[in-house]
Structure formats: structure tokens, C-alpha cells
Amino acid sequence: MLCGVFLGSAAWWLCLSGLTAVLRKKMSVSFMRGISAVSAVVIGTFGLVQVFTGLRDVF
């Protein structure tokens, strides 16, 4: 079971990094900046939701 999880995770990582390497050459810099900005907003929003949820539970 443990080996299966490890192999599955390794295969997923290799596929994801390979796909990223291939697509990286085909994307423009402005498109990559847009993806980066959207990702930052999404991650920041999740973080703020977690902070406010934690504060609400404390107080």
C-alpha cells in the first residue's frame, strides 16, 4: 500500500512537471503573469478565510 501511494505520487509529480515544462515554452510572459496573479489572489483569499474563521472560533 505504501509503495503504491509513493509510486502514484511520483508518477503524478513527473507528469505534472513534464506538462509544465512543455506548456511553459508555449505560454507568453503576460499570460504566465496573469496566472500568477490569479493564483496569488486565490491563495490569499483562502488564507484570509482561514484567519477569520480561526479568530471567530477564538472570540
PDB file of N, CA and C in Angstrom:
ATOM      1  N   MET A   1       0.828  -1.196   0.000  1.00  0.00           N
ATOM      2  CA  MET A   1       0.000   0.000   0.000  1.00  0.00           C
ATOM      3  C   MET A   1       0.872   1.259   0.000  1.00  0.00           C
ATOM      4  N   LEU A   2       1.868   1.267   0.873  1.00  0.00           N
ATOM      5  CA  LEU A   2       2.746   2.430   0.970  1.00  0.00           C
ATOM      6  C   LEU A   2       3.514   2.649  -0.331  1.00  0.00           C
ATOM      7  N   CYS A   3       3.991   1.570  -0.924  1.00  0.00           N
ATOM      8  CA  CYS A   3       4.714   1.685  -2.199  1.00  0.00           C
ATOM      9  C   CYS A   3       3.796   2.206  -3.302  1.00  0.00           C
ATOM     10  N   GLY A   4       2.548   1.780  -3.288  1.00  0.00           N
ATOM     11  CA  GLY A   4       1.591   2.246  -4.287  1.00  0.00           C
ATOM     12  C   GLY A   4       1.337   3.740  -4.170  1.00  0.00           C
ATOM     13  N   VAL A   5       1.191   4.218  -2.943  1.00  0.00           N
ATOM     14  CA  VAL A   5       0.993   5.653  -2.726  1.00  0.00           C
ATOM     15  C   VAL A   5       2.226   6.421  -3.190  1.00  0.00           C
ATOM     16  N   PHE A   6       3.401   5.918  -2.840  1.00  0.00           N
ATOM     17  CA  PHE A   6       4.639   6.581  -3.249  1.00  0.00           C
ATOM     18  C   PHE A   6       4.777   6.606  -4.766  1.00  0.00           C
ATOM     19  N   LEU A   7       4.541   5.473  -5.415  1.00  0.00           N
ATOM     20  CA  LEU A   7       4.682   5.413  -6.870  1.00  0.00           C
ATOM     21  C   LEU A   7       3.641   6.287  -7.575  1.00  0.00           C
ATOM     22  N   GLY A   8       2.435   6.287  -7.052  1.00  0.00           N
ATOM     23  CA  GLY A   8       1.401   7.144  -7.633  1.00  0.00           C
ATOM     24  C   GLY A   8       1.746   8.616  -7.495  1.00  0.00           C
ATOM     25  N   SER A   9       2.249   8.997  -6.334  1.00  0.00           N
ATOM     26  CA  SER A   9       2.650  10.388  -6.118  1.00  0.00           C
ATOM     27  C   SER A   9       3.818  10.768  -7.014  1.00  0.00           C
ATOM     28  N   ALA A  10       4.783   9.875  -7.143  1.00  0.00           N
ATOM     29  CA  ALA A  10       5.936  10.146  -8.004  1.00  0.00           C
ATOM     30  C   ALA A  10       5.509  10.268  -9.465  1.00  0.00           C
ATOM     31  N   ALA A  11       4.611   9.399  -9.908  1.00  0.00           N
ATOM     32  CA  ALA A  11       4.129   9.456 -11.292  1.00  0.00           C
ATOM     33  C   ALA A  11       3.367  10.757 -11.544  1.00  0.00           C
ATOM     34  N   TRP A  12       2.535  11.151 -10.591  1.00  0.00           N
ATOM     35  CA  TRP A  12       1.779  12.398 -10.716  1.00  0.00           C
ATOM     36  C   TRP A  12       2.734  13.583 -10.798  1.00  0.00           C
ATOM     37  N   TRP A  13       3.749  13.599  -9.948  1.00  0.00           N
ATOM     38  CA  TRP A  13       4.720  14.685  -9.939  1.00  0.00           C
ATOM     39  C   TRP A  13       5.473  14.756 -11.270  1.00  0.00           C
ATOM     40  N   LEU A  14       5.888  13.615 -11.796  1.00  0.00           N
ATOM     41  CA  LEU A  14       6.609  13.605 -13.068  1.00  0.00           C
ATOM     42  C   LEU A  14       5.723  14.082 -14.217  1.00  0.00           C
ATOM     43  N   CYS A  15       4.477  13.644 -14.240  1.00  0.00           N
ATOM     44  CA  CYS A  15       3.552  14.089 -15.291  1.00  0.00           C
ATOM     45  C   CYS A  15       3.286  15.587 -15.188  1.00  0.00           C
ATOM     46  N   LEU A  16       3.063  16.058 -13.982  1.00  0.00           N
ATOM     47  CA  LEU A  16       2.766  17.471 -13.781  1.00  0.00           C
ATOM     48  C   LEU A  16       3.958  18.352 -14.145  1.00  0.00           C
ATOM     49  N   SER A  17       5.147  17.959 -13.730  1.00  0.00           N
ATOM     50  CA  SER A  17       6.330  18.766 -14.049  1.00  0.00           C
ATOM     51  C   SER A  17       6.670  18.686 -15.537  1.00  0.00           C
ATOM     52  N   GLY A  18       6.463  17.541 -16.156  1.00  0.00           N
ATOM     53  CA  GLY A  18       6.688  17.417 -17.594  1.00  0.00           C
ATOM     54  C   GLY A  18       5.717  18.261 -18.397  1.00  0.00           C
ATOM     55  N   LEU A  19       4.457  18.239 -18.013  1.00  0.00           N
ATOM     56  CA  LEU A  19       3.449  19.055 -18.688  1.00  0.00           C
ATOM     57  C   LEU A  19       3.756  20.539 -18.518  1.00  0.00           C
ATOM     58  N   THR A  20       4.182  20.917 -17.330  1.00  0.00           N
ATOM     59  CA  THR A  20       4.546  22.313 -17.080  1.00  0.00           C
ATOM     60  C   THR A  20       5.718  22.736 -17.959  1.00  0.00           C
ATOM     61  N   ALA A  21       6.708  21.881 -18.094  1.00  0.00           N
ATOM     62  CA  ALA A  21       7.875  22.203 -18.926  1.00  0.00           C
ATOM     63  C   ALA A  21       7.479  22.375 -20.389  1.00  0.00           C
ATOM     64  N   VAL A  22       6.567  21.538 -20.867  1.00  0.00           N
ATOM     65  CA  VAL A  22       6.131  21.633 -22.264  1.00  0.00           C
ATOM     66  C   VAL A  22       5.292  22.891 -22.484  1.00  0.00           C
ATOM     67  N   LEU A  23       4.347  23.146 -21.580  1.00  0.00           N
ATOM     68  CA  LEU A  23       3.466  24.302 -21.744  1.00  0.00           C
ATOM     69  C   LEU A  23       4.179  25.621 -21.504  1.00  0.00           C
ATOM     70  N   ARG A  24       5.223  25.589 -20.710  1.00  0.00           N
ATOM     71  CA  ARG A  24       5.956  26.814 -20.397  1.00  0.00           C
ATOM     72  C   ARG A  24       6.519  27.462 -21.661  1.00  0.00           C
ATOM     73  N   LYS A  25       6.936  26.648 -22.589  1.00  0.00           N
ATOM     74  CA  LYS A  25       7.509  27.163 -23.830  1.00  0.00           C
ATOM     75  C   LYS A  25       6.447  27.774 -24.738  1.00  0.00           C
ATOM     76  N   LYS A  26       5.196  27.379 -24.554  1.00  0.00           N
ATOM     77  CA  LYS A  26       4.131  27.839 -25.436  1.00  0.00           C
ATOM     78  C   LYS A  26       3.360  29.029 -24.873  1.00  0.00           C
ATOM     79  N   MET A  27       3.570  29.367 -23.592  1.00  0.00           N
ATOM     80  CA  MET A  27       2.840  30.472 -22.972  1.00  0.00           C
ATOM     81  C   MET A  27       3.647  31.756 -23.036  1.00  0.00           C
ATOM     82  N   SER A  28       2.937  32.856 -23.226  1.00  0.00           N
ATOM     83  CA  SER A  28       3.615  34.148 -23.220  1.00  0.00           C
ATOM     84  C   SER A  28       3.875  34.589 -21.775  1.00  0.00           C
ATOM     85  N   VAL A  29       4.774  35.537 -21.626  1.00  0.00           N
ATOM     86  CA  VAL A  29       5.121  36.039 -20.296  1.00  0.00           C
ATOM     87  C   VAL A  29       3.913  36.716 -19.653  1.00  0.00           C
ATOM     88  N   SER A  30       3.146  37.465 -20.432  1.00  0.00           N
ATOM     89  CA  SER A  30       1.980  38.150 -19.868  1.00  0.00           C
ATOM     90  C   SER A  30       0.924  37.152 -19.400  1.00  0.00           C
ATOM     91  N   PHE A  31       0.755  36.059 -20.119  1.00  0.00           N
ATOM     92  CA  PHE A  31      -0.201  35.033 -19.698  1.00  0.00           C
ATOM     93  C   PHE A  31       0.250  34.376 -18.397  1.00  0.00           C
ATOM     94  N   MET A  32       1.550  34.102 -18.285  1.00  0.00           N
ATOM     95  CA  MET A  32       2.073  33.497 -17.058  1.00  0.00           C
ATOM     96  C   MET A  32       1.934  34.450 -15.871  1.00  0.00           C
ATOM     97  N   ARG A  33       2.131  35.750 -16.105  1.00  0.00           N
ATOM     98  CA  ARG A  33       1.931  36.736 -15.039  1.00  0.00           C
ATOM     99  C   ARG A  33       0.471  36.775 -14.614  1.00  0.00           C
ATOM    100  N   GLY A  34      -0.432  36.657 -15.567  1.00  0.00           N
ATOM    101  CA  GLY A  34      -1.858  36.627 -15.243  1.00  0.00           C
ATOM    102  C   GLY A  34      -2.217  35.418 -14.396  1.00  0.00           C
ATOM    103  N   ILE A  35      -1.688  34.261 -14.754  1.00  0.00           N
ATOM    104  CA  ILE A  35      -1.922  33.048 -13.969  1.00  0.00           C
ATOM    105  C   ILE A  35      -1.353  33.216 -12.567  1.00  0.00           C
ATOM    106  N   SER A  36      -0.183  33.822 -12.471  1.00  0.00           N
ATOM    107  CA  SER A  36       0.451  34.046 -11.176  1.00  0.00           C
ATOM    108  C   SER A  36      -0.395  34.982 -10.316  1.00  0.00           C
ATOM    109  N   ALA A  37      -0.931  36.037 -10.915  1.00  0.00           N
ATOM    110  CA  ALA A  37      -1.755  36.991 -10.173  1.00  0.00           C
ATOM    111  C   ALA A  37      -3.048  36.338  -9.683  1.00  0.00           C
ATOM    112  N   VAL A  38      -3.694  35.576 -10.541  1.00  0.00           N
ATOM    113  CA  VAL A  38      -4.930  34.888 -10.146  1.00  0.00           C
ATOM    114  C   VAL A  38      -4.645  33.886  -9.032  1.00  0.00           C
ATOM    115  N   SER A  39      -3.552  33.153  -9.154  1.00  0.00           N
ATOM    116  CA  SER A  39      -3.179  32.189  -8.114  1.00  0.00           C
ATOM    117  C   SER A  39      -2.926  32.888  -6.786  1.00  0.00           C
ATOM    118  N   ALA A  40      -2.253  34.034  -6.831  1.00  0.00           N
ATOM    119  CA  ALA A  40      -1.973  34.785  -5.604  1.00  0.00           C
ATOM    120  C   ALA A  40      -3.259  35.242  -4.933  1.00  0.00           C
ATOM    121  N   VAL A  41      -4.212  35.706  -5.715  1.00  0.00           N
ATOM    122  CA  VAL A  41      -5.489  36.157  -5.152  1.00  0.00           C
ATOM    123  C   VAL A  41      -6.243  34.986  -4.535  1.00  0.00           C
ATOM    124  N   VAL A  42      -6.277  33.860  -5.215  1.00  0.00           N
ATOM    125  CA  VAL A  42      -6.989  32.683  -4.699  1.00  0.00           C
ATOM    126  C   VAL A  42      -6.351  32.188  -3.404  1.00  0.00           C
ATOM    127  N   ILE A  43      -5.029  32.058  -3.380  1.00  0.00           N
ATOM    128  CA  ILE A  43      -4.338  31.579  -2.181  1.00  0.00           C
ATOM    129  C   ILE A  43      -4.497  32.580  -1.044  1.00  0.00           C
ATOM    130  N   GLY A  44      -4.387  33.873  -1.348  1.00  0.00           N
ATOM    131  CA  GLY A  44      -4.580  34.901  -0.324  1.00  0.00           C
ATOM    132  C   GLY A  44      -5.985  34.883   0.247  1.00  0.00           C
ATOM    133  N   THR A  45      -6.981  34.676  -0.612  1.00  0.00           N
ATOM    134  CA  THR A  45      -8.368  34.602  -0.147  1.00  0.00           C
ATOM    135  C   THR A  45      -8.566  33.411   0.779  1.00  0.00           C
ATOM    136  N   PHE A  46      -8.039  32.254   0.410  1.00  0.00           N
ATOM    137  CA  PHE A  46      -8.130  31.089   1.291  1.00  0.00           C
ATOM    138  C   PHE A  46      -7.459  31.363   2.629  1.00  0.00           C
ATOM    139  N   GLY A  47      -6.312  32.014   2.604  1.00  0.00           N
ATOM    140  CA  GLY A  47      -5.608  32.340   3.838  1.00  0.00           C
ATOM    141  C   GLY A  47      -6.415  33.272   4.723  1.00  0.00           C
ATOM    142  N   LEU A  48      -6.991  34.316   4.139  1.00  0.00           N
ATOM    143  CA  LEU A  48      -7.803  35.249   4.926  1.00  0.00           C
ATOM    144  C   LEU A  48      -9.039  34.575   5.507  1.00  0.00           C
ATOM    145  N   VAL A  49      -9.662  33.714   4.728  1.00  0.00           N
ATOM    146  CA  VAL A  49     -10.824  32.979   5.243  1.00  0.00           C
ATOM    147  C   VAL A  49     -10.420  32.138   6.447  1.00  0.00           C
ATOM    148  N   GLN A  50      -9.277  31.486   6.380  1.00  0.00           N
ATOM    149  CA  GLN A  50      -8.813  30.661   7.496  1.00  0.00           C
ATOM    150  C   GLN A  50      -8.495  31.510   8.717  1.00  0.00           C
ATOM    151  N   VAL A  51      -7.879  32.663   8.517  1.00  0.00           N
ATOM    152  CA  VAL A  51      -7.567  33.547   9.644  1.00  0.00           C
ATOM    153  C   VAL A  51      -8.851  34.026  10.304  1.00  0.00           C
ATOM    154  N   PHE A  52      -9.807  34.492   9.518  1.00  0.00           N
ATOM    155  CA  PHE A  52     -11.057  34.984  10.090  1.00  0.00           C
ATOM    156  C   PHE A  52     -11.860  33.867  10.751  1.00  0.00           C
ATOM    157  N   THR A  53     -11.830  32.679  10.186  1.00  0.00           N
ATOM    158  CA  THR A  53     -12.513  31.542  10.807  1.00  0.00           C
ATOM    159  C   THR A  53     -11.866  31.203  12.140  1.00  0.00           C
ATOM    160  N   GLY A  54     -10.549  31.215  12.187  1.00  0.00           N
ATOM    161  CA  GLY A  54      -9.844  30.944  13.437  1.00  0.00           C
ATOM    162  C   GLY A  54     -10.124  31.999  14.488  1.00  0.00           C
ATOM    163  N   LEU A  55     -10.130  33.260  14.082  1.00  0.00           N
ATOM    164  CA  LEU A  55     -10.418  34.335  15.036  1.00  0.00           C
ATOM    165  C   LEU A  55     -11.858  34.265  15.534  1.00  0.00           C
ATOM    166  N   ARG A  56     -12.769  33.912  14.655  1.00  0.00           N
ATOM    167  CA  ARG A  56     -14.168  33.793  15.061  1.00  0.00           C
ATOM    168  C   ARG A  56     -14.343  32.675  16.085  1.00  0.00           C
ATOM    169  N   ASP A  57     -13.608  31.582  15.914  1.00  0.00           N
ATOM    170  CA  ASP A  57     -13.703  30.470  16.856  1.00  0.00           C
ATOM    171  C   ASP A  57     -13.090  30.820  18.201  1.00  0.00           C
ATOM    172  N   VAL A  58     -12.063  31.680  18.208  1.00  0.00           N
ATOM    173  CA  VAL A  58     -11.396  32.053  19.455  1.00  0.00           C
ATOM    174  C   VAL A  58     -12.241  33.048  20.241  1.00  0.00           C
ATOM    175  N   PHE A  59     -12.839  34.002  19.544  1.00  0.00           N
ATOM    176  CA  PHE A  59     -13.599  35.047  20.241  1.00  0.00           C
ATOM    177  C   PHE A  59     -15.052  34.782  20.176  1.00  0.00           C
TER     178      PHE A  59
END
